[in-house]
Amino acid sequence: MFDAWFRQLSDLRGKDLLRVKGILNVAELQRPMVIHGVQHVWHEPEILPQWPSDSRSSKIVFIVRNLSLDALREALSSIRESFDHTKWTGLDRSEIDAIVADA
């Protein structure tokens, strides 16, 4: 689900995604998933052997141009709205705000 959203964001705004990296807490995994990419070039997600700290929160860093904070918030919010029918326990509003607060 996240992959589909991220690919769509990359297709639509890839030239403005100067760098994206993050560590994700995926409901189906006990270990963290790492993502990273630059513009339209994305590397396969990697599953780490263990969490690097006690925190199990997903964290994503976006370095962008010509992409407003509100647009990024809206795109992230759409994940939950699009997939409410699944068991996904994804991002709530406070997590979205925390992710993009430093954008």
PDB file of N, CA and C in Angstrom:
ATOM      1  N   MET A   1       0.819  -1.184   0.000  1.00  0.00           N
ATOM      2  CA  MET A   1       0.000   0.000   0.000  1.00  0.00           C
ATOM      3  C   MET A   1       0.870   1.258   0.000  1.00  0.00           C
ATOM      4  N   PHE A   2       1.842   1.295   0.917  1.00  0.00           N
ATOM      5  CA  PHE A   2       2.741   2.443   0.965  1.00  0.00           C
ATOM      6  C   PHE A   2       3.519   2.551  -0.335  1.00  0.00           C
ATOM      7  N   ASP A   3       3.959   1.404  -0.840  1.00  0.00           N
ATOM      8  CA  ASP A   3       4.716   1.381  -2.090  1.00  0.00           C
ATOM      9  C   ASP A   3       3.900   1.971  -3.234  1.00  0.00           C
ATOM     10  N   ALA A   4       2.628   1.621  -3.327  1.00  0.00           N
ATOM     11  CA  ALA A   4       1.769   2.150  -4.396  1.00  0.00           C
ATOM     12  C   ALA A   4       1.639   3.665  -4.274  1.00  0.00           C
ATOM     13  N   TRP A   5       1.432   4.149  -3.051  1.00  0.00           N
ATOM     14  CA  TRP A   5       1.325   5.594  -2.854  1.00  0.00           C
ATOM     15  C   TRP A   5       2.637   6.287  -3.211  1.00  0.00           C
ATOM     16  N   PHE A   6       3.742   5.695  -2.763  1.00  0.00           N
ATOM     17  CA  PHE A   6       5.030   6.334  -2.983  1.00  0.00           C
ATOM     18  C   PHE A   6       5.397   6.362  -4.462  1.00  0.00           C
ATOM     19  N   ARG A   7       5.069   5.289  -5.172  1.00  0.00           N
ATOM     20  CA  ARG A   7       5.327   5.261  -6.615  1.00  0.00           C
ATOM     21  C   ARG A   7       4.498   6.329  -7.333  1.00  0.00           C
ATOM     22  N   GLN A   8       3.270   6.519  -6.897  1.00  0.00           N
ATOM     23  CA  GLN A   8       2.428   7.552  -7.501  1.00  0.00           C
ATOM     24  C   GLN A   8       3.019   8.937  -7.231  1.00  0.00           C
ATOM     25  N   LEU A   9       3.449   9.185  -5.997  1.00  0.00           N
ATOM     26  CA  LEU A   9       4.078  10.457  -5.666  1.00  0.00           C
ATOM     27  C   LEU A   9       5.327  10.666  -6.514  1.00  0.00           C
ATOM     28  N   SER A  10       6.122   9.631  -6.668  1.00  0.00           N
ATOM     29  CA  SER A  10       7.332   9.711  -7.475  1.00  0.00           C
ATOM     30  C   SER A  10       7.013   9.985  -8.940  1.00  0.00           C
ATOM     31  N   ASP A  11       5.994   9.307  -9.466  1.00  0.00           N
ATOM     32  CA  ASP A  11       5.603   9.525 -10.858  1.00  0.00           C
ATOM     33  C   ASP A  11       5.132  10.952 -11.089  1.00  0.00           C
ATOM     34  N   LEU A  12       4.366  11.483 -10.145  1.00  0.00           N
ATOM     35  CA  LEU A  12       3.799  12.815 -10.310  1.00  0.00           C
ATOM     36  C   LEU A  12       4.762  13.937  -9.955  1.00  0.00           C
ATOM     37  N   ARG A  13       5.580  13.725  -8.927  1.00  0.00           N
ATOM     38  CA  ARG A  13       6.425  14.806  -8.420  1.00  0.00           C
ATOM     39  C   ARG A  13       7.880  14.407  -8.255  1.00  0.00           C
ATOM     40  N   GLY A  14       8.325  13.375  -8.957  1.00  0.00           N
ATOM     41  CA  GLY A  14       9.682  12.856  -8.799  1.00  0.00           C
ATOM     42  C   GLY A  14      10.774  13.891  -8.920  1.00  0.00           C
ATOM     43  N   LYS A  15      10.644  14.803  -9.858  1.00  0.00           N
ATOM     44  CA  LYS A  15      11.698  15.810 -10.048  1.00  0.00           C
ATOM     45  C   LYS A  15      11.837  16.734  -8.845  1.00  0.00           C
ATOM     46  N   ASP A  16      10.776  16.810  -8.034  1.00  0.00           N
ATOM     47  CA  ASP A  16      10.799  17.658  -6.847  1.00  0.00           C
ATOM     48  C   ASP A  16      11.186  16.904  -5.574  1.00  0.00           C
ATOM     49  N   LEU A  17      11.339  15.593  -5.662  1.00  0.00           N
ATOM     50  CA  LEU A  17      11.764  14.790  -4.514  1.00  0.00           C
ATOM     51  C   LEU A  17      13.286  14.650  -4.572  1.00  0.00           C
ATOM     52  N   LEU A  18      13.983  15.611  -4.007  1.00  0.00           N
ATOM     53  CA  LEU A  18      15.439  15.622  -4.107  1.00  0.00           C
ATOM     54  C   LEU A  18      16.068  14.470  -3.331  1.00  0.00           C
ATOM     55  N   ARG A  19      15.455  14.107  -2.198  1.00  0.00           N
ATOM     56  CA  ARG A  19      15.959  12.981  -1.404  1.00  0.00           C
ATOM     57  C   ARG A  19      14.856  12.560  -0.450  1.00  0.00           C
ATOM     58  N   VAL A  20      14.635  11.275  -0.363  1.00  0.00           N
ATOM     59  CA  VAL A  20      13.679  10.716   0.595  1.00  0.00           C
ATOM     60  C   VAL A  20      14.333   9.500   1.226  1.00  0.00           C
ATOM     61  N   LYS A  21      14.263   9.436   2.546  1.00  0.00           N
ATOM     62  CA  LYS A  21      14.782   8.261   3.234  1.00  0.00           C
ATOM     63  C   LYS A  21      13.948   8.063   4.493  1.00  0.00           C
ATOM     64  N   GLY A  22      13.873   6.826   4.909  1.00  0.00           N
ATOM     65  CA  GLY A  22      13.085   6.585   6.104  1.00  0.00           C
ATOM     66  C   GLY A  22      13.186   5.173   6.613  1.00  0.00           C
ATOM     67  N   ILE A  23      12.653   5.002   7.805  1.00  0.00           N
ATOM     68  CA  ILE A  23      12.543   3.703   8.430  1.00  0.00           C
ATOM     69  C   ILE A  23      11.063   3.515   8.758  1.00  0.00           C
ATOM     70  N   LEU A  24      10.511   2.375   8.360  1.00  0.00           N
ATOM     71  CA  LEU A  24       9.075   2.152   8.490  1.00  0.00           C
ATOM     72  C   LEU A  24       8.770   0.976   9.397  1.00  0.00           C
ATOM     73  N   ASN A  25       7.727   1.138  10.188  1.00  0.00           N
ATOM     74  CA  ASN A  25       7.193   0.066  10.998  1.00  0.00           C
ATOM     75  C   ASN A  25       6.022  -0.516  10.218  1.00  0.00           C
ATOM     76  N   VAL A  26       6.242  -1.643   9.584  1.00  0.00           N
ATOM     77  CA  VAL A  26       5.234  -2.303   8.755  1.00  0.00           C
ATOM     78  C   VAL A  26       4.509  -3.332   9.610  1.00  0.00           C
ATOM     79  N   ALA A  27       3.187  -3.259   9.624  1.00  0.00           N
ATOM     80  CA  ALA A  27       2.377  -4.100  10.520  1.00  0.00           C
ATOM     81  C   ALA A  27       2.698  -5.585  10.384  1.00  0.00           C
ATOM     82  N   GLU A  28       2.999  -6.055   9.191  1.00  0.00           N
ATOM     83  CA  GLU A  28       3.222  -7.482   8.964  1.00  0.00           C
ATOM     84  C   GLU A  28       4.644  -7.940   9.312  1.00  0.00           C
ATOM     85  N   LEU A  29       5.516  -7.013   9.665  1.00  0.00           N
ATOM     86  CA  LEU A  29       6.914  -7.344   9.941  1.00  0.00           C
ATOM     87  C   LEU A  29       7.268  -7.065  11.393  1.00  0.00           C
ATOM     88  N   GLN A  30       8.166  -7.835  11.938  1.00  0.00           N
ATOM     89  CA  GLN A  30       8.684  -7.580  13.287  1.00  0.00           C
ATOM     90  C   GLN A  30       9.937  -6.707  13.237  1.00  0.00           C
ATOM     91  N   ARG A  31      10.509  -6.563  12.039  1.00  0.00           N
ATOM     92  CA  ARG A  31      11.742  -5.799  11.866  1.00  0.00           C
ATOM     93  C   ARG A  31      11.441  -4.549  11.031  1.00  0.00           C
ATOM     94  N   PRO A  32      12.300  -3.539  11.088  1.00  0.00           N
ATOM     95  CA  PRO A  32      12.056  -2.301  10.346  1.00  0.00           C
ATOM     96  C   PRO A  32      12.413  -2.421   8.861  1.00  0.00           C
ATOM     97  N   MET A  33      11.706  -1.658   8.059  1.00  0.00           N
ATOM     98  CA  MET A  33      11.987  -1.559   6.632  1.00  0.00           C
ATOM     99  C   MET A  33      12.599  -0.183   6.366  1.00  0.00           C
ATOM    100  N   VAL A  34      13.662  -0.157   5.582  1.00  0.00           N
ATOM    101  CA  VAL A  34      14.329   1.086   5.227  1.00  0.00           C
ATOM    102  C   VAL A  34      14.032   1.408   3.766  1.00  0.00           C
ATOM    103  N   ILE A  35      13.691   2.674   3.507  1.00  0.00           N
ATOM    104  CA  ILE A  35      13.454   3.133   2.128  1.00  0.00           C
ATOM    105  C   ILE A  35      14.369   4.309   1.834  1.00  0.00           C
ATOM    106  N   HIS A  36      14.750   4.466   0.563  1.00  0.00           N
ATOM    107  CA  HIS A  36      15.491   5.660   0.168  1.00  0.00           C
ATOM    108  C   HIS A  36      15.494   5.794  -1.350  1.00  0.00           C
ATOM    109  N   GLY A  37      15.568   7.056  -1.764  1.00  0.00           N
ATOM    110  CA  GLY A  37      15.593   7.332  -3.185  1.00  0.00           C
ATOM    111  C   GLY A  37      15.890   8.792  -3.458  1.00  0.00           C
ATOM    112  N   VAL A  38      16.171   9.063  -4.718  1.00  0.00           N
ATOM    113  CA  VAL A  38      16.447  10.403  -5.199  1.00  0.00           C
ATOM    114  C   VAL A  38      15.668  10.592  -6.489  1.00  0.00           C
ATOM    115  N   GLN A  39      14.793  11.581  -6.505  1.00  0.00           N
ATOM    116  CA  GLN A  39      13.938  11.890  -7.637  1.00  0.00           C
ATOM    117  C   GLN A  39      13.227  10.627  -8.129  1.00  0.00           C
ATOM    118  N   HIS A  40      13.496  10.186  -9.361  1.00  0.00           N
ATOM    119  CA  HIS A  40      12.801   9.008  -9.900  1.00  0.00           C
ATOM    120  C   HIS A  40      13.573   7.706  -9.682  1.00  0.00           C
ATOM    121  N   VAL A  41      14.689   7.770  -8.969  1.00  0.00           N
ATOM    122  CA  VAL A  41      15.504   6.579  -8.735  1.00  0.00           C
ATOM    123  C   VAL A  41      15.258   6.099  -7.309  1.00  0.00           C
ATOM    124  N   TRP A  42      14.651   4.909  -7.193  1.00  0.00           N
ATOM    125  CA  TRP A  42      14.314   4.354  -5.886  1.00  0.00           C
ATOM    126  C   TRP A  42      14.957   2.993  -5.722  1.00  0.00           C
ATOM    127  N   HIS A  43      15.504   2.787  -4.561  1.00  0.00           N
ATOM    128  CA  HIS A  43      16.136   1.512  -4.254  1.00  0.00           C
ATOM    129  C   HIS A  43      15.113   0.570  -3.627  1.00  0.00           C
ATOM    130  N   GLU A  44      15.321  -0.713  -3.818  1.00  0.00           N
ATOM    131  CA  GLU A  44      14.436  -1.701  -3.202  1.00  0.00           C
ATOM    132  C   GLU A  44      14.453  -1.503  -1.691  1.00  0.00           C
ATOM    133  N   PRO A  45      13.291  -1.565  -1.056  1.00  0.00           N
ATOM    134  CA  PRO A  45      13.286  -1.482   0.408  1.00  0.00           C
ATOM    135  C   PRO A  45      14.113  -2.616   1.004  1.00  0.00           C
ATOM    136  N   GLU A  46      14.737  -2.318   2.117  1.00  0.00           N
ATOM    137  CA  GLU A  46      15.570  -3.317   2.797  1.00  0.00           C
ATOM    138  C   GLU A  46      14.992  -3.568   4.187  1.00  0.00           C
ATOM    139  N   ILE A  47      14.966  -4.823   4.593  1.00  0.00           N
ATOM    140  CA  ILE A  47      14.515  -5.186   5.928  1.00  0.00           C
ATOM    141  C   ILE A  47      15.754  -5.307   6.814  1.00  0.00           C
ATOM    142  N   LEU A  48      15.814  -4.510   7.860  1.00  0.00           N
ATOM    143  CA  LEU A  48      16.950  -4.559   8.772  1.00  0.00           C
ATOM    144  C   LEU A  48      16.816  -5.742   9.726  1.00  0.00           C
ATOM    145  N   PRO A  49      17.932  -6.247  10.225  1.00  0.00           N
ATOM    146  CA  PRO A  49      17.873  -7.386  11.151  1.00  0.00           C
ATOM    147  C   PRO A  49      17.221  -7.034  12.488  1.00  0.00           C
ATOM    148  N   GLN A  50      17.300  -5.749  12.882  1.00  0.00           N
ATOM    149  CA  GLN A  50      16.690  -5.326  14.144  1.00  0.00           C
ATOM    150  C   GLN A  50      16.489  -3.814  14.122  1.00  0.00           C
ATOM    151  N   TRP A  51      15.698  -3.321  15.063  1.00  0.00           N
ATOM    152  CA  TRP A  51      15.491  -1.884  15.210  1.00  0.00           C
ATOM    153  C   TRP A  51      16.752  -1.246  15.778  1.00  0.00           C
ATOM    154  N   PRO A  52      17.138  -0.058  15.285  1.00  0.00           N
ATOM    155  CA  PRO A  52      18.358   0.582  15.775  1.00  0.00           C
ATOM    156  C   PRO A  52      18.212   1.199  17.171  1.00  0.00           C
ATOM    157  N   SER A  53      16.978   1.337  17.652  1.00  0.00           N
ATOM    158  CA  SER A  53      16.741   1.895  18.987  1.00  0.00           C
ATOM    159  C   SER A  53      15.442   1.295  19.534  1.00  0.00           C
ATOM    160  N   ASP A  54      15.045   1.732  20.714  1.00  0.00           N
ATOM    161  CA  ASP A  54      13.805   1.242  21.309  1.00  0.00           C
ATOM    162  C   ASP A  54      12.563   1.784  20.607  1.00  0.00           C
ATOM    163  N   SER A  55      12.696   2.876  19.883  1.00  0.00           N
ATOM    164  CA  SER A  55      11.562   3.467  19.178  1.00  0.00           C
ATOM    165  C   SER A  55      11.144   2.594  18.005  1.00  0.00           C
ATOM    166  N   ARG A  56       9.863   2.391  17.866  1.00  0.00           N
ATOM    167  CA  ARG A  56       9.330   1.608  16.745  1.00  0.00           C
ATOM    168  C   ARG A  56       8.488   2.495  15.824  1.00  0.00           C
ATOM    169  N   SER A  57       8.709   3.798  15.887  1.00  0.00           N
ATOM    170  CA  SER A  57       7.950   4.748  15.076  1.00  0.00           C
ATOM    171  C   SER A  57       8.512   4.825  13.668  1.00  0.00           C
ATOM    172  N   SER A  58       7.614   4.934  12.700  1.00  0.00           N
ATOM    173  CA  SER A  58       8.030   5.189  11.325  1.00  0.00           C
ATOM    174  C   SER A  58       8.533   6.626  11.246  1.00  0.00           C
ATOM    175  N   LYS A  59       9.611   6.808  10.506  1.00  0.00           N
ATOM    176  CA  LYS A  59      10.174   8.143  10.316  1.00  0.00           C
ATOM    177  C   LYS A  59      10.597   8.266   8.852  1.00  0.00           C
ATOM    178  N   ILE A  60      10.169   9.341   8.204  1.00  0.00           N
ATOM    179  CA  ILE A  60      10.537   9.584   6.812  1.00  0.00           C
ATOM    180  C   ILE A  60      11.025  11.021   6.699  1.00  0.00           C
ATOM    181  N   VAL A  61      12.150  11.213   6.025  1.00  0.00           N
ATOM    182  CA  VAL A  61      12.698  12.537   5.782  1.00  0.00           C
ATOM    183  C   VAL A  61      12.529  12.848   4.302  1.00  0.00           C
ATOM    184  N   PHE A  62      11.904  13.975   4.001  1.00  0.00           N
ATOM    185  CA  PHE A  62      11.734  14.440   2.630  1.00  0.00           C
ATOM    186  C   PHE A  62      12.553  15.707   2.444  1.00  0.00           C
ATOM    187  N   ILE A  63      13.406  15.725   1.442  1.00  0.00           N
ATOM    188  CA  ILE A  63      14.071  16.946   1.004  1.00  0.00           C
ATOM    189  C   ILE A  63      13.487  17.228  -0.372  1.00  0.00           C
ATOM    190  N   VAL A  64      12.767  18.341  -0.483  1.00  0.00           N
ATOM    191  CA  VAL A  64      11.985  18.605  -1.696  1.00  0.00           C
ATOM    192  C   VAL A  64      12.203  20.030  -2.191  1.00  0.00           C
ATOM    193  N   ARG A  65      11.716  20.272  -3.395  1.00  0.00           N
ATOM    194  CA  ARG A  65      11.629  21.633  -3.922  1.00  0.00           C
ATOM    195  C   ARG A  65      10.257  21.764  -4.583  1.00  0.00           C
ATOM    196  N   ASN A  66       9.724  22.952  -4.566  1.00  0.00           N
ATOM    197  CA  ASN A  66       8.438  23.244  -5.210  1.00  0.00           C
ATOM    198  C   ASN A  66       7.323  22.304  -4.763  1.00  0.00           C
ATOM    199  N   LEU A  67       7.389  21.854  -3.542  1.00  0.00           N
ATOM    200  CA  LEU A  67       6.363  20.970  -2.991  1.00  0.00           C
ATOM    201  C   LEU A  67       6.053  21.497  -1.593  1.00  0.00           C
ATOM    202  N   SER A  68       4.861  22.050  -1.432  1.00  0.00           N
ATOM    203  CA  SER A  68       4.515  22.699  -0.176  1.00  0.00           C
ATOM    204  C   SER A  68       4.291  21.678   0.935  1.00  0.00           C
ATOM    205  N   LEU A  69       4.434  22.145   2.131  1.00  0.00           N
ATOM    206  CA  LEU A  69       4.182  21.326   3.303  1.00  0.00           C
ATOM    207  C   LEU A  69       2.740  20.826   3.295  1.00  0.00           C
ATOM    208  N   ASP A  70       1.802  21.696   2.938  1.00  0.00           N
ATOM    209  CA  ASP A  70       0.395  21.287   2.877  1.00  0.00           C
ATOM    210  C   ASP A  70       0.156  20.215   1.831  1.00  0.00           C
ATOM    211  N   ALA A  71       0.803  20.315   0.678  1.00  0.00           N
ATOM    212  CA  ALA A  71       0.639  19.302  -0.369  1.00  0.00           C
ATOM    213  C   ALA A  71       1.175  17.956   0.091  1.00  0.00           C
ATOM    214  N   LEU A  72       2.293  17.977   0.782  1.00  0.00           N
ATOM    215  CA  LEU A  72       2.861  16.732   1.291  1.00  0.00           C
ATOM    216  C   LEU A  72       1.971  16.134   2.375  1.00  0.00           C
ATOM    217  N   ARG A  73       1.465  16.969   3.267  1.00  0.00           N
ATOM    218  CA  ARG A  73       0.522  16.491   4.297  1.00  0.00           C
ATOM    219  C   ARG A  73      -0.711  15.869   3.665  1.00  0.00           C
ATOM    220  N   GLU A  74      -1.247  16.545   2.650  1.00  0.00           N
ATOM    221  CA  GLU A  74      -2.443  16.022   1.972  1.00  0.00           C
ATOM    222  C   GLU A  74      -2.165  14.672   1.321  1.00  0.00           C
ATOM    223  N   ALA A  75      -1.009  14.548   0.685  1.00  0.00           N
ATOM    224  CA  ALA A  75      -0.647  13.284   0.041  1.00  0.00           C
ATOM    225  C   ALA A  75      -0.509  12.171   1.075  1.00  0.00           C
ATOM    226  N   LEU A  76       0.126  12.464   2.196  1.00  0.00           N
ATOM    227  CA  LEU A  76       0.274  11.458   3.243  1.00  0.00           C
ATOM    228  C   LEU A  76      -1.072  11.098   3.870  1.00  0.00           C
ATOM    229  N   SER A  77      -1.920  12.088   4.051  1.00  0.00           N
ATOM    230  CA  SER A  77      -3.252  11.825   4.613  1.00  0.00           C
ATOM    231  C   SER A  77      -4.079  10.938   3.703  1.00  0.00           C
ATOM    232  N   SER A  78      -3.875  11.064   2.410  1.00  0.00           N
ATOM    233  CA  SER A  78      -4.665  10.285   1.458  1.00  0.00           C
ATOM    234  C   SER A  78      -4.407   8.791   1.576  1.00  0.00           C
ATOM    235  N   ILE A  79      -3.248   8.412   2.120  1.00  0.00           N
ATOM    236  CA  ILE A  79      -2.957   6.989   2.302  1.00  0.00           C
ATOM    237  C   ILE A  79      -4.031   6.371   3.179  1.00  0.00           C
ATOM    238  N   ARG A  80      -4.256   6.978   4.309  1.00  0.00           N
ATOM    239  CA  ARG A  80      -5.220   6.415   5.252  1.00  0.00           C
ATOM    240  C   ARG A  80      -6.632   6.405   4.664  1.00  0.00           C
ATOM    241  N   GLU A  81      -7.031   7.489   4.023  1.00  0.00           N
ATOM    242  CA  GLU A  81      -8.367   7.569   3.439  1.00  0.00           C
ATOM    243  C   GLU A  81      -8.550   6.528   2.344  1.00  0.00           C
ATOM    244  N   SER A  82      -7.522   6.276   1.575  1.00  0.00           N
ATOM    245  CA  SER A  82      -7.611   5.330   0.466  1.00  0.00           C
ATOM    246  C   SER A  82      -7.682   3.887   0.930  1.00  0.00           C
ATOM    247  N   PHE A  83      -7.154   3.608   2.112  1.00  0.00           N
ATOM    248  CA  PHE A  83      -7.035   2.227   2.550  1.00  0.00           C
ATOM    249  C   PHE A  83      -7.708   1.957   3.888  1.00  0.00           C
ATOM    250  N   ASP A  84      -8.717   2.741   4.249  1.00  0.00           N
ATOM    251  CA  ASP A  84      -9.416   2.521   5.515  1.00  0.00           C
ATOM    252  C   ASP A  84     -10.065   1.148   5.588  1.00  0.00           C
ATOM    253  N   HIS A  85     -10.358   0.540   4.445  1.00  0.00           N
ATOM    254  CA  HIS A  85     -11.023  -0.759   4.432  1.00  0.00           C
ATOM    255  C   HIS A  85     -10.071  -1.914   4.749  1.00  0.00           C
ATOM    256  N   THR A  86      -8.793  -1.643   4.879  1.00  0.00           N
ATOM    257  CA  THR A  86      -7.817  -2.704   5.178  1.00  0.00           C
ATOM    258  C   THR A  86      -7.553  -2.761   6.675  1.00  0.00           C
ATOM    259  N   LYS A  87      -6.715  -3.686   7.086  1.00  0.00           N
ATOM    260  CA  LYS A  87      -6.314  -3.797   8.483  1.00  0.00           C
ATOM    261  C   LYS A  87      -5.173  -2.843   8.818  1.00  0.00           C
ATOM    262  N   TRP A  88      -4.776  -2.046   7.843  1.00  0.00           N
ATOM    263  CA  TRP A  88      -3.627  -1.161   8.027  1.00  0.00           C
ATOM    264  C   TRP A  88      -3.818  -0.257   9.222  1.00  0.00           C
ATOM    265  N   THR A  89      -2.803  -0.141  10.051  1.00  0.00           N
ATOM    266  CA  THR A  89      -2.870   0.703  11.232  1.00  0.00           C
ATOM    267  C   THR A  89      -1.953   1.896  11.060  1.00  0.00           C
ATOM    268  N   GLY A  90      -1.830   2.411   9.861  1.00  0.00           N
ATOM    269  CA  GLY A  90      -0.869   3.430   9.458  1.00  0.00           C
ATOM    270  C   GLY A  90      -0.848   4.709  10.255  1.00  0.00           C
ATOM    271  N   LEU A  91      -0.593   5.767   9.594  1.00  0.00           N
ATOM    272  CA  LEU A  91      -0.329   7.046  10.215  1.00  0.00           C
ATOM    273  C   LEU A  91      -1.608   7.745  10.662  1.00  0.00           C
ATOM    274  N   ASP A  92      -1.569   8.268  11.887  1.00  0.00           N
ATOM    275  CA  ASP A  92      -2.655   9.146  12.289  1.00  0.00           C
ATOM    276  C   ASP A  92      -2.188  10.589  12.076  1.00  0.00           C
ATOM    277  N   ARG A  93      -3.053  11.554  12.320  1.00  0.00           N
ATOM    278  CA  ARG A  93      -2.731  12.947  12.015  1.00  0.00           C
ATOM    279  C   ARG A  93      -1.480  13.426  12.752  1.00  0.00           C
ATOM    280  N   SER A  94      -1.312  13.047  14.009  1.00  0.00           N
ATOM    281  CA  SER A  94      -0.135  13.497  14.752  1.00  0.00           C
ATOM    282  C   SER A  94       1.153  12.914  14.159  1.00  0.00           C
ATOM    283  N   GLU A  95       1.104  11.678  13.676  1.00  0.00           N
ATOM    284  CA  GLU A  95       2.288  11.075  13.053  1.00  0.00           C
ATOM    285  C   GLU A  95       2.603  11.769  11.726  1.00  0.00           C
ATOM    286  N   ILE A  96       1.558  12.079  10.956  1.00  0.00           N
ATOM    287  CA  ILE A  96       1.771  12.805   9.704  1.00  0.00           C
ATOM    288  C   ILE A  96       2.408  14.157   9.985  1.00  0.00           C
ATOM    289  N   ASP A  97       1.876  14.878  10.973  1.00  0.00           N
ATOM    290  CA  ASP A  97       2.435  16.179  11.317  1.00  0.00           C
ATOM    291  C   ASP A  97       3.887  16.059  11.750  1.00  0.00           C
ATOM    292  N   ALA A  98       4.205  15.026  12.518  1.00  0.00           N
ATOM    293  CA  ALA A  98       5.577  14.826  12.974  1.00  0.00           C
ATOM    294  C   ALA A  98       6.511  14.525  11.802  1.00  0.00           C
ATOM    295  N   ILE A  99       6.044  13.759  10.844  1.00  0.00           N
ATOM    296  CA  ILE A  99       6.871  13.393   9.686  1.00  0.00           C
ATOM    297  C   ILE A  99       7.235  14.636   8.873  1.00  0.00           C
ATOM    298  N   VAL A 100       6.256  15.504   8.657  1.00  0.00           N
ATOM    299  CA  VAL A 100       6.491  16.625   7.749  1.00  0.00           C
ATOM    300  C   VAL A 100       6.809  17.931   8.466  1.00  0.00           C
ATOM    301  N   ALA A 101       6.911  17.919   9.779  1.00  0.00           N
ATOM    302  CA  ALA A 101       7.131  19.144  10.539  1.00  0.00           C
ATOM    303  C   ALA A 101       8.416  19.875  10.127  1.00  0.00           C
ATOM    304  N   ASP A 102       9.426  19.132   9.775  1.00  0.00           N
ATOM    305  CA  ASP A 102      10.704  19.746   9.426  1.00  0.00           C
ATOM    306  C   ASP A 102      10.933  19.865   7.935  1.00  0.00           C
ATOM    307  N   ALA A 103       9.904  19.620   7.146  1.00  0.00           N
ATOM    308  CA  ALA A 103      10.058  19.651   5.684  1.00  0.00           C
ATOM    309  C   ALA A 103      10.374  21.051   5.196  1.00  0.00           C
TER     310      ALA A 103
END
